């Protein structure tokens, strides 16, 4: 087994509490499938047979998945707040090989081999996935009047190939200037700084990075702490033991620092293949004939998607956008299940658009029109209802003559006769009164 796959599914969805207060984030329906289904399906299509899923105990009890993979659920206590690095550290005894880590909120049709092959070809410490960040959307339902949080930009530095990851910094961590270390520019005089890229939270990592995390317990987040640390370490020397040895206390501190340095976890390869790079004319870069694998023992790479679907469902606006994109994705994946479930009952005079999804056992009445929408399971939608650009979750009742536009209706809600709603979020088990607006 070359890689072990790990899916992070213990987060609470703090940026979309309007939804996650009643539905755990990994179970949020996207295209009538739980959010967790999408990264698992990505792994299954890539040939993985086993996956470690880090989550909360309640989620497995509520989860219903059709997969041939063996799922090893590891539980995080509800009263413990763990970051992604903490979670990886929590399962370190299960990790025997290099690891592929991805978030449960990632929906993508990326060819996973493009990320993995970067890792293999360059014997990388890290390879990761990025894509152009989505354009800012209009105000999400239920958010009117709320101040939109200011998104901090990431500054990403890559080489001429666009694959070697040289620099990473978040705008929030910078002063007025962007400072690039001389050691980077000496080795890479031409570097392209990009903004507007989204980190997809999909990482290939060497096994020794997990070992490093076990000893460095102050690192709690993969995205904001570990990944930038690895990128910086590419152009730093290993912690030296030479200075300070005359002073016993200084020597002890130096020794401790060196033992926690990432370089101390990199094991030398004593196999017969070790001389091969030194005797090879091939190299992994352009513009020089330096060593086969470009400088340093720590090497970070990035695959930047130019086309295809890649989104993270971590805000209400992105949740809505994902549901708009998913019907096309499901068709492209060639899934046998039709967009309109076989047990759904649609009257002869009911109209359902070709890009809408209708769940099982849902009933749709006479002269009802559904366009660009996702309708969950066991819903009752009565006569003369108009639904456009909406997400209707499970067991929702919409009575006669209602008009719904651009709204999200959560589980077990009831929309009474004649209601007219636009750009609204109706929570679980809520009832909207007759002719409400």
Protein backbone atom coordinates (compact mmCIF):
# COMPACT_ATOMS: atom_id res chain seq x y z
CA UNK A 1 0.00 0.00 0.00
CA UNK A 2 1.69 3.19 -1.25
CA UNK A 3 -0.63 5.69 0.47
CA UNK A 4 -3.07 5.65 3.34
CA UNK A 5 -6.06 7.93 2.77
CA UNK A 6 -7.41 10.05 5.63
CA UNK A 7 -10.60 12.12 5.45
CA UNK A 8 -11.02 14.90 8.02
CA UNK A 9 -14.70 14.99 8.99
CA UNK A 10 -14.74 16.18 12.60
CA UNK A 11 -15.10 19.94 11.99
CA UNK A 12 -18.23 21.67 13.16
CA UNK A 13 -18.70 24.06 10.24
CA UNK A 14 -18.17 27.25 12.21
CA UNK A 15 -18.54 29.45 9.11
CA UNK A 16 -21.99 28.08 8.24
CA UNK A 17 -23.72 27.65 11.60
CA UNK A 18 -27.12 28.53 10.11
CA UNK A 19 -26.98 25.06 8.56
CA UNK A 20 -24.70 23.07 10.86
CA UNK A 21 -26.55 23.96 14.07
CA UNK A 22 -29.12 21.31 13.12
CA UNK A 23 -27.22 19.12 10.62
CA UNK A 24 -23.59 17.97 11.17
CA UNK A 25 -21.37 19.37 8.42
CA UNK A 26 -20.30 15.98 6.92
CA UNK A 27 -23.99 15.08 6.55
CA UNK A 28 -25.13 18.28 4.83
CA UNK A 29 -26.97 17.23 1.65
CA UNK A 30 -25.31 18.32 -1.59
CA UNK A 31 -27.15 17.01 -4.62
CA UNK A 32 -29.05 14.74 -2.19
CA UNK A 33 -25.84 13.06 -1.06
CA UNK A 34 -24.05 13.69 2.22
CA UNK A 35 -21.08 16.02 1.84
CA UNK A 36 -18.76 13.25 3.07
CA UNK A 37 -19.74 11.11 0.04
CA UNK A 38 -17.79 13.31 -2.38
CA UNK A 39 -14.22 12.87 -1.05
CA UNK A 40 -14.92 9.18 -0.44
CA UNK A 41 -16.14 8.78 -4.02
CA UNK A 42 -13.02 10.58 -5.29
CA UNK A 43 -10.83 8.09 -3.41
CA UNK A 44 -12.85 5.08 -4.57
CA UNK A 45 -12.58 6.18 -8.22
CA UNK A 46 -8.80 6.47 -7.74
CA UNK A 47 -8.62 2.84 -6.59
CA UNK A 48 -8.37 3.17 -2.80
CA UNK A 49 -9.77 0.20 -0.90
CA UNK A 50 -9.46 1.52 2.67
CA UNK A 51 -9.97 4.99 4.17
CA UNK A 52 -9.53 6.33 7.68
CA UNK A 53 -12.37 8.74 8.52
CA UNK A 54 -11.82 11.04 11.51
CA UNK A 55 -15.21 12.20 12.73
CA UNK A 56 -17.68 12.46 15.64
CA UNK A 57 -19.49 9.36 16.86
CA UNK A 58 -22.97 10.70 16.07
CA UNK A 59 -22.05 11.04 12.39
CA UNK A 60 -21.41 7.35 11.73
CA UNK A 61 -24.74 6.47 13.36
CA UNK A 62 -26.57 8.84 10.98
CA UNK A 63 -24.48 8.03 7.91
CA UNK A 64 -25.73 5.82 5.10
CA UNK A 65 -23.16 5.27 2.32
CA UNK A 66 -23.01 2.86 -0.57
CA UNK A 67 -19.29 2.14 -0.92
CA UNK A 68 -17.11 -0.92 -1.45
CA UNK A 69 -14.23 0.63 0.49
CA UNK A 70 -13.44 -0.37 4.05
CA UNK A 71 -14.08 2.69 6.25
CA UNK A 72 -12.10 2.85 9.49
CA UNK A 73 -13.93 5.41 11.65
CA UNK A 74 -11.87 7.12 14.33
CA UNK A 75 -13.86 9.22 16.75
CA UNK A 76 -13.08 12.61 18.24
CA UNK A 77 -14.86 13.38 21.50
CA UNK A 78 -17.61 16.00 21.20
CA UNK A 79 -16.14 18.09 24.00
CA UNK A 80 -12.65 18.21 22.45
CA UNK A 81 -11.74 20.91 19.95
CA UNK A 82 -9.07 19.47 17.66
CA UNK A 83 -7.38 21.11 14.69
CA UNK A 84 -6.53 19.12 11.57
CA UNK A 85 -2.92 18.59 12.68
CA UNK A 86 -4.19 17.45 16.09
CA UNK A 87 -6.46 14.95 14.33
CA UNK A 88 -3.61 13.53 12.23
CA UNK A 89 -1.47 13.29 15.36
CA UNK A 90 -4.37 11.48 17.09
CA UNK A 91 -4.21 8.59 14.57
CA UNK A 92 -0.42 8.48 14.11
CA UNK A 93 -0.20 4.86 15.30
CA UNK A 94 -2.38 3.81 12.36
CA UNK A 95 -0.13 5.57 9.82
CA UNK A 96 2.42 3.13 8.35
CA UNK A 97 3.07 4.72 4.93
CA UNK A 98 2.92 8.08 3.19
CA UNK A 99 -0.48 9.66 3.61
CA UNK A 100 -3.12 11.40 1.47
CA UNK A 101 -5.20 13.79 3.58
CA UNK A 102 -8.34 15.52 2.39
CA UNK A 103 -11.20 17.46 3.92
CA UNK A 104 -14.78 16.22 3.98
CA UNK A 105 -15.95 19.52 2.46
CA UNK A 106 -14.01 19.09 -0.81
CA UNK A 107 -15.98 18.46 -4.01
CA UNK A 108 -13.82 18.01 -7.09
CA UNK A 109 -13.48 16.03 -10.30
CA UNK A 110 -9.68 16.40 -10.31
CA UNK A 111 -7.60 13.54 -11.66
CA UNK A 112 -6.07 12.54 -8.35
CA UNK A 113 -3.06 11.02 -10.12
CA UNK A 114 -1.89 14.50 -11.12
CA UNK A 115 -1.33 15.36 -7.46
CA UNK A 116 0.05 11.94 -6.56
CA UNK A 117 2.41 11.78 -9.57
CA UNK A 118 3.97 15.12 -8.57
CA UNK A 119 4.69 13.56 -5.21
CA UNK A 120 6.19 10.43 -6.75
CA UNK A 121 8.21 12.08 -9.52
CA UNK A 122 9.96 14.60 -7.29
CA UNK A 123 10.15 12.42 -4.16
CA UNK A 124 8.34 15.32 -2.53
CA UNK A 125 7.71 16.02 1.14
CA UNK A 126 4.39 17.60 0.19
CA UNK A 127 2.20 17.87 -2.88
CA UNK A 128 -1.10 19.70 -2.71
CA UNK A 129 -4.07 20.81 -4.82
CA UNK A 130 -5.09 24.39 -5.59
CA UNK A 131 -7.49 26.08 -7.96
CA UNK A 132 -8.51 29.61 -8.83
CA UNK A 133 -10.66 30.89 -5.97
CA UNK A 134 -14.36 31.31 -6.75
CA UNK A 135 -15.60 34.80 -7.59
CA UNK A 136 -17.40 36.54 -4.68
CA UNK A 137 -21.07 35.55 -4.78
CA UNK A 138 -24.12 37.61 -4.05
CA UNK A 139 -25.38 37.77 -0.47
CA UNK A 140 -26.48 34.29 0.59
CA UNK A 141 -30.05 33.58 1.77
CA UNK A 142 -30.65 34.83 5.29
CA UNK A 143 -27.48 36.96 5.17
CA UNK A 144 -29.03 40.22 3.95
CA UNK A 145 -27.82 43.13 6.04
CA UNK A 146 -24.98 41.11 7.58
CA UNK A 147 -21.49 42.42 7.03
CA UNK A 148 -19.52 40.08 4.76
CA UNK A 149 -16.26 38.93 6.34
CA UNK A 150 -13.17 40.20 4.54
CA UNK A 151 -11.32 37.28 2.99
CA UNK A 152 -7.55 37.43 3.53
CA UNK A 153 -5.55 36.71 0.39
CA UNK A 154 -2.86 34.06 0.15
CA UNK A 155 0.36 34.93 -1.66
CA UNK A 156 1.63 31.81 -3.43
CA UNK A 157 5.08 31.68 -5.03
CA UNK A 158 5.81 29.08 -7.72
CA UNK A 159 8.69 28.43 -10.11
CA UNK A 160 8.61 28.71 -13.93
CA UNK A 161 6.93 25.32 -14.25
CA UNK A 162 4.12 26.43 -11.92
CA UNK A 163 4.59 23.22 -9.93
CA UNK A 164 7.35 23.83 -7.38
CA UNK A 165 5.85 25.60 -4.37
CA UNK A 166 8.42 28.15 -3.21
CA UNK A 167 6.58 30.59 -1.01
CA UNK A 168 3.33 30.81 0.93
CA UNK A 169 2.05 33.63 3.14
CA UNK A 170 -1.34 34.89 4.22
CA UNK A 171 -2.13 38.58 4.04
CA UNK A 172 -3.07 38.60 7.73
CA UNK A 173 0.48 37.55 8.68
CA UNK A 174 2.20 40.30 6.70
CA UNK A 175 3.15 43.86 7.56
CA UNK A 176 3.09 46.45 4.80
CA UNK A 177 5.64 44.61 2.67
CA UNK A 178 5.96 41.13 1.20
CA UNK A 179 9.42 39.89 2.16
CA UNK A 180 11.07 37.08 0.17
CA UNK A 181 14.12 35.39 1.71
CA UNK A 182 17.36 35.74 -0.22
CA UNK A 183 17.93 31.97 0.01
CA UNK A 184 14.83 31.40 -2.14
CA UNK A 185 15.83 33.94 -4.80
CA UNK A 186 19.38 32.62 -4.97
CA UNK A 187 18.07 29.22 -6.04
CA UNK A 188 15.03 30.48 -7.95
CA UNK A 189 15.74 33.93 -9.45
CA UNK A 190 12.46 33.73 -11.37
CA UNK A 191 9.48 33.26 -9.11
CA UNK A 192 5.84 33.93 -9.92
CA UNK A 193 3.72 35.32 -7.06
CA UNK A 194 0.05 34.48 -7.42
CA UNK A 195 -3.03 35.53 -5.49
CA UNK A 196 -6.58 34.37 -5.99
CA UNK A 197 -5.81 30.68 -5.48
CA UNK A 198 -7.85 28.42 -3.23
CA UNK A 199 -6.21 25.72 -1.13
CA UNK A 200 -8.37 22.65 -1.73
CA UNK A 201 -7.18 20.99 1.51
CA UNK A 202 -5.89 17.91 -0.31
CA UNK A 203 -2.33 16.98 0.69
CA UNK A 204 0.09 14.14 -0.02
CA UNK A 205 2.56 13.96 2.89
CA UNK A 206 5.58 11.83 3.69
CA UNK A 207 5.26 9.47 6.64
CA UNK A 208 8.03 11.36 8.43
CA UNK A 209 5.84 14.50 8.44
CA UNK A 210 3.37 12.64 10.66
CA UNK A 211 6.28 11.60 12.91
CA UNK A 212 7.33 15.26 13.02
CA UNK A 213 3.80 16.28 14.09
CA UNK A 214 3.80 13.77 16.94
CA UNK A 215 6.82 15.49 18.48
CA UNK A 216 5.78 19.07 17.62
CA UNK A 217 2.51 19.32 19.50
CA UNK A 218 2.26 23.12 19.22
CA UNK A 219 1.26 22.74 15.56
CA UNK A 220 -2.53 22.38 15.50
CA UNK A 221 -3.51 23.15 11.89
CA UNK A 222 -2.31 21.60 8.63
CA UNK A 223 -3.39 24.53 6.45
CA UNK A 224 -2.25 27.52 8.49
CA UNK A 225 0.75 26.07 10.35
CA UNK A 226 2.20 22.81 9.01
CA UNK A 227 2.05 23.52 5.26
CA UNK A 228 3.65 27.02 5.49
CA UNK A 229 6.30 25.55 7.82
CA UNK A 230 7.23 22.86 5.27
CA UNK A 231 7.36 25.43 2.46
CA UNK A 232 9.72 27.65 4.49
CA UNK A 233 11.92 24.71 5.50
CA UNK A 234 12.84 24.00 1.85
CA UNK A 235 15.30 26.89 1.97
CA UNK A 236 16.46 26.65 5.58
CA UNK A 237 19.43 24.72 6.88
CA UNK A 238 18.92 21.99 9.47
CA UNK A 239 19.18 23.21 13.04
CA UNK A 240 22.89 23.17 13.87
CA UNK A 241 24.47 21.61 16.93
CA UNK A 242 27.86 23.18 16.37
CA UNK A 243 27.25 26.51 18.05
CA UNK A 244 26.71 26.77 21.77
CA UNK A 245 28.18 23.44 22.79
CA UNK A 246 30.66 25.13 25.12
CA UNK A 247 27.77 26.33 27.22
CA UNK A 248 25.98 23.32 28.74
CA UNK A 249 22.53 24.95 28.92
CA UNK A 250 22.77 26.38 25.40
CA UNK A 251 23.97 23.03 24.15
CA UNK A 252 20.98 21.29 25.70
CA UNK A 253 18.56 23.76 24.07
CA UNK A 254 20.27 23.37 20.70
CA UNK A 255 19.99 19.61 20.98
CA UNK A 256 16.27 19.88 21.77
CA UNK A 257 15.72 22.21 18.81
CA UNK A 258 17.58 19.89 16.46
CA UNK A 259 15.59 16.87 17.63
CA UNK A 260 12.34 18.70 16.76
CA UNK A 261 13.55 19.92 13.38
CA UNK A 262 11.88 18.35 10.31
CA UNK A 263 15.30 17.35 8.96
CA UNK A 264 15.89 15.06 11.94
CA UNK A 265 12.88 12.95 10.87
CA UNK A 266 14.05 12.39 7.28
CA UNK A 267 15.52 8.92 7.05
CA UNK A 268 18.39 8.28 4.66
CA UNK A 269 17.63 5.75 1.94
CA UNK A 270 20.22 2.97 2.14
CA UNK A 271 18.61 0.86 -0.55
CA UNK A 272 20.29 -0.21 -3.78
CA UNK A 273 18.31 2.50 -5.58
CA UNK A 274 20.04 5.31 -3.73
CA UNK A 275 22.90 5.80 -6.28
CA UNK A 276 20.42 6.02 -9.18
CA UNK A 277 19.75 9.80 -9.01
CA UNK A 278 23.47 10.57 -8.88
CA UNK A 279 24.14 8.51 -12.02
CA UNK A 280 21.13 9.79 -13.98
CA UNK A 281 21.15 12.41 -16.78
CA UNK A 282 17.45 13.17 -16.10
CA UNK A 283 16.42 15.94 -13.77
CA UNK A 284 13.10 17.19 -12.45
CA UNK A 285 13.48 20.84 -13.50
CA UNK A 286 14.42 23.09 -16.41
CA UNK A 287 17.13 25.68 -16.93
CA UNK A 288 20.12 23.97 -15.28
CA UNK A 289 21.84 20.63 -14.82
CA UNK A 290 21.85 20.63 -11.04
CA UNK A 291 21.21 17.43 -9.13
CA UNK A 292 18.48 15.10 -10.35
CA UNK A 293 16.00 16.17 -7.69
CA UNK A 294 16.01 19.92 -7.26
CA UNK A 295 17.86 21.10 -4.15
CA UNK A 296 17.09 20.23 -0.56
CA UNK A 297 15.68 17.26 1.25
CA UNK A 298 12.37 19.06 1.88
CA UNK A 299 10.51 19.60 -1.42
CA UNK A 300 6.99 21.00 -1.84
CA UNK A 301 4.88 20.90 -5.01
CA UNK A 302 1.44 22.08 -6.07
CA UNK A 303 -0.99 21.03 -8.80
CA UNK A 304 -3.06 24.05 -9.85
CA UNK A 305 -6.27 22.97 -11.59
CA UNK A 306 -6.94 24.98 -14.75
CA UNK A 307 -10.36 23.50 -15.51
CA UNK A 308 -12.94 21.25 -13.93
CA UNK A 309 -14.85 21.45 -10.67
CA UNK A 310 -13.07 22.12 -7.40
CA UNK A 311 -14.86 23.78 -4.50
CA UNK A 312 -14.86 23.70 -0.73
CA UNK A 313 -18.21 23.78 1.03
CA UNK A 314 -17.34 25.84 4.10
CA UNK A 315 -19.77 28.79 3.90
CA UNK A 316 -23.48 29.09 3.17
CA UNK A 317 -22.78 30.81 -0.15
CA UNK A 318 -20.37 28.04 -1.23
CA UNK A 319 -22.88 25.40 -0.10
CA UNK A 320 -25.46 26.91 -2.46
CA UNK A 321 -22.93 27.15 -5.29
CA UNK A 322 -21.91 23.50 -4.81
CA UNK A 323 -25.52 22.40 -5.16
CA UNK A 324 -25.75 24.36 -8.43
CA UNK A 325 -22.63 22.66 -9.81
CA UNK A 326 -23.25 19.10 -8.61
CA UNK A 327 -25.95 17.94 -11.09
CA UNK A 328 -23.44 18.37 -13.92
CA UNK A 329 -20.72 16.62 -11.86
CA UNK A 330 -22.94 13.62 -11.13
CA UNK A 331 -23.70 13.26 -14.84
CA UNK A 332 -20.00 13.49 -15.72
CA UNK A 333 -19.20 10.77 -13.18
CA UNK A 334 -21.52 8.45 -15.10
CA UNK A 335 -23.51 7.42 -12.04
CA UNK A 336 -26.30 5.01 -12.87
CA UNK A 337 -28.84 6.69 -10.61
CA UNK A 338 -30.96 9.24 -12.55
CA UNK A 339 -31.34 12.82 -11.30
CA UNK A 340 -35.04 12.13 -10.69
CA UNK A 341 -35.31 9.16 -8.32
CA UNK A 342 -37.40 6.24 -9.55
CA UNK A 343 -39.72 6.39 -6.53
CA UNK A 344 -40.52 10.09 -6.94
CA UNK A 345 -44.11 10.76 -8.01
CA UNK A 346 -44.53 13.60 -10.51
CA UNK A 347 -47.95 14.32 -12.00
CA UNK A 348 -48.34 14.57 -15.76
CA UNK A 349 -48.68 18.35 -15.56
CA UNK A 350 -45.78 18.86 -13.19
CA UNK A 351 -42.62 20.28 -14.79
CA UNK A 352 -39.08 19.48 -13.59
CA UNK A 353 -36.06 21.08 -15.30
CA UNK A 354 -33.32 18.83 -16.66
CA UNK A 355 -30.76 20.29 -14.23
CA UNK A 356 -32.85 19.66 -11.11
CA UNK A 357 -32.57 16.69 -8.74
CA UNK A 358 -35.59 15.02 -7.12
CA UNK A 359 -35.11 12.65 -4.18
CA UNK A 360 -36.81 9.37 -3.33
CA UNK A 361 -40.51 9.21 -2.37
CA UNK A 362 -41.07 12.89 -3.09
CA UNK A 363 -44.50 13.87 -4.45
CA UNK A 364 -44.94 16.77 -6.88
CA UNK A 365 -48.42 18.12 -7.65
CA UNK A 366 -50.29 19.47 -10.66
CA UNK A 367 -48.99 22.58 -12.49
CA UNK A 368 -45.94 22.71 -10.27
CA UNK A 369 -42.71 24.03 -11.81
CA UNK A 370 -39.23 23.19 -10.51
CA UNK A 371 -36.16 24.79 -12.14
CA UNK A 372 -32.45 24.74 -11.21
CA UNK A 373 -33.26 23.21 -7.82
CA UNK A 374 -32.44 20.29 -5.53
CA UNK A 375 -35.40 18.56 -3.86
CA UNK A 376 -34.68 16.04 -1.11
CA UNK A 377 -36.39 12.80 -0.13
CA UNK A 378 -39.94 12.33 1.20
CA UNK A 379 -41.00 15.88 0.35
CA UNK A 380 -44.58 16.86 -0.45
CA UNK A 381 -44.92 19.68 -2.98
CA UNK A 382 -48.54 20.43 -3.75
CA UNK A 383 -50.28 21.99 -6.76
CA UNK A 384 -49.34 25.28 -8.48
CA UNK A 385 -46.01 25.70 -6.69
CA UNK A 386 -43.08 27.50 -8.36
CA UNK A 387 -39.55 26.66 -7.19
CA UNK A 388 -36.48 28.29 -8.77
CA UNK A 389 -32.83 28.13 -7.66
CA UNK A 390 -33.70 26.50 -4.34
CA UNK A 391 -32.35 23.76 -2.10
CA UNK A 392 -35.14 21.80 -0.41
CA UNK A 393 -33.89 19.23 2.09
CA UNK A 394 -35.72 16.10 3.32
CA UNK A 395 -39.33 15.71 4.51
CA UNK A 396 -40.33 19.28 3.63
CA UNK A 397 -43.96 20.16 2.93
CA UNK A 398 -44.77 23.01 0.53
CA UNK A 399 -48.47 23.72 0.26
CA UNK A 400 -50.52 24.90 -2.71
CA UNK A 401 -49.74 28.13 -4.57
CA UNK A 402 -46.33 28.88 -2.99
CA UNK A 403 -43.55 30.65 -4.82
CA UNK A 404 -39.95 29.99 -3.70
CA UNK A 405 -36.88 31.60 -5.23
CA UNK A 406 -33.19 31.46 -4.27
CA UNK A 407 -33.91 29.92 -0.87
CA UNK A 408 -32.71 27.06 1.34
CA UNK A 409 -35.39 25.07 3.17
CA UNK A 410 -34.06 22.68 5.83
CA UNK A 411 -35.39 19.30 7.01
CA UNK A 412 -39.04 18.92 8.13
CA UNK A 413 -39.98 22.55 7.43
CA UNK A 414 -43.54 23.43 6.42
CA UNK A 415 -44.31 26.26 3.99
CA UNK A 416 -48.02 27.05 4.25
CA UNK A 417 -50.44 27.80 1.41
CA UNK A 418 -49.70 30.85 -0.74
CA UNK A 419 -46.35 31.75 0.81
CA UNK A 420 -44.01 33.85 -1.35
CA UNK A 421 -40.36 33.72 -0.27
CA UNK A 422 -37.17 34.92 -1.91
CA UNK A 423 -33.54 34.59 -0.79
CA UNK A 424 -34.51 33.10 2.58
CA UNK A 425 -33.11 30.40 4.84
CA UNK A 426 -35.82 28.39 6.64
CA UNK A 427 -34.37 26.27 9.44
CA UNK A 428 -35.20 22.68 10.34
CA UNK A 429 -38.70 22.02 11.77
CA UNK A 430 -39.81 25.62 11.09
CA UNK A 431 -43.28 26.56 9.85
CA UNK A 432 -43.86 29.57 7.59
CA UNK A 433 -47.39 30.88 7.97
CA UNK A 434 -49.93 31.34 5.16
CA UNK A 435 -49.20 34.18 2.75
CA UNK A 436 -46.00 34.93 4.64
CA UNK A 437 -43.37 36.92 2.78
